[in-house]
Amino acid sequence: MCKIDTHRHSGKDTAAAIGVTCPTLVRWAKDPEFPQPMRISRRIVRYNLDAVKQYLSEKAA
């Protein structure tokens, strides 16, 4: 049985959830402090939405 990781989201879904554009999310991901996406294949990356939200809330505080 395959376990599905519900914490990993596409860049498009992650950007929409936090209210930014995809290019903004990609730019932020270049910062080593930002939660790094997991590369599934050469063209597919997934973001940990919980980690991204936590990072943004800590940065805003």
Protein backbone atom coordinates (compact mmCIF):
# COMPACT_ATOMS: atom_id res chain seq x y z
CA MET A 1 0.00 0.00 0.00
CA CYS A 2 1.35 3.43 -0.98
CA LYS A 3 1.41 6.13 1.67
CA ILE A 4 0.45 9.58 0.39
CA ASP A 5 2.21 12.55 1.96
CA THR A 6 -0.53 15.14 2.43
CA HIS A 7 1.94 17.83 3.53
CA ARG A 8 3.57 18.12 0.11
CA HIS A 9 1.95 20.49 -2.37
CA SER A 10 2.79 21.71 -5.85
CA GLY A 11 4.26 25.15 -6.27
CA LYS A 12 1.01 26.36 -7.80
CA ASP A 13 -1.06 25.08 -4.87
CA THR A 14 1.41 26.38 -2.29
CA ALA A 15 1.55 29.82 -3.89
CA ALA A 16 -2.26 30.01 -4.01
CA ALA A 17 -2.56 28.91 -0.37
CA ILE A 18 -0.26 31.67 0.88
CA GLY A 19 -1.47 34.33 -1.54
CA VAL A 20 1.59 34.87 -3.74
CA THR A 21 2.47 34.15 -7.36
CA CYS A 22 4.49 31.13 -8.49
CA PRO A 23 7.50 33.27 -9.49
CA THR A 24 7.51 34.81 -6.00
CA LEU A 25 7.51 31.36 -4.40
CA VAL A 26 10.40 30.25 -6.62
CA ARG A 27 12.33 33.42 -5.74
CA TRP A 28 11.75 32.85 -2.02
CA ALA A 29 12.89 29.23 -2.36
CA LYS A 30 16.29 30.47 -3.52
CA ASP A 31 16.81 31.88 0.00
CA PRO A 32 18.56 29.20 2.11
CA GLU A 33 16.45 30.23 5.14
CA PHE A 34 13.22 29.39 3.31
CA PRO A 35 11.89 25.79 3.62
CA GLN A 36 13.34 24.05 0.60
CA PRO A 37 11.07 22.12 -1.75
CA MET A 38 11.52 18.41 -2.29
CA ARG A 39 12.44 17.55 -5.87
CA ILE A 40 10.41 14.54 -7.04
CA SER A 41 11.86 14.53 -10.55
CA ARG A 42 13.65 16.97 -12.81
CA ARG A 43 10.45 18.94 -13.43
CA ILE A 44 8.37 18.20 -10.32
CA VAL A 45 8.89 19.80 -6.92
CA ARG A 46 6.71 19.70 -3.82
CA TYR A 47 6.58 22.16 -0.96
CA ASN A 48 5.80 21.41 2.66
CA LEU A 49 2.94 23.87 3.09
CA ASP A 50 3.00 23.64 6.90
CA ALA A 51 6.71 24.51 6.98
CA VAL A 52 6.21 27.41 4.57
CA LYS A 53 3.34 28.83 6.65
CA GLN A 54 5.37 28.47 9.84
CA TYR A 55 8.37 30.21 8.24
CA LEU A 56 6.20 33.13 7.09
CA SER A 57 4.54 33.52 10.48
CA GLU A 58 7.91 33.51 12.26
CA LYS A 59 9.33 36.00 9.79
CA ALA A 60 6.34 38.31 10.27
CA ALA A 61 6.71 38.25 14.06
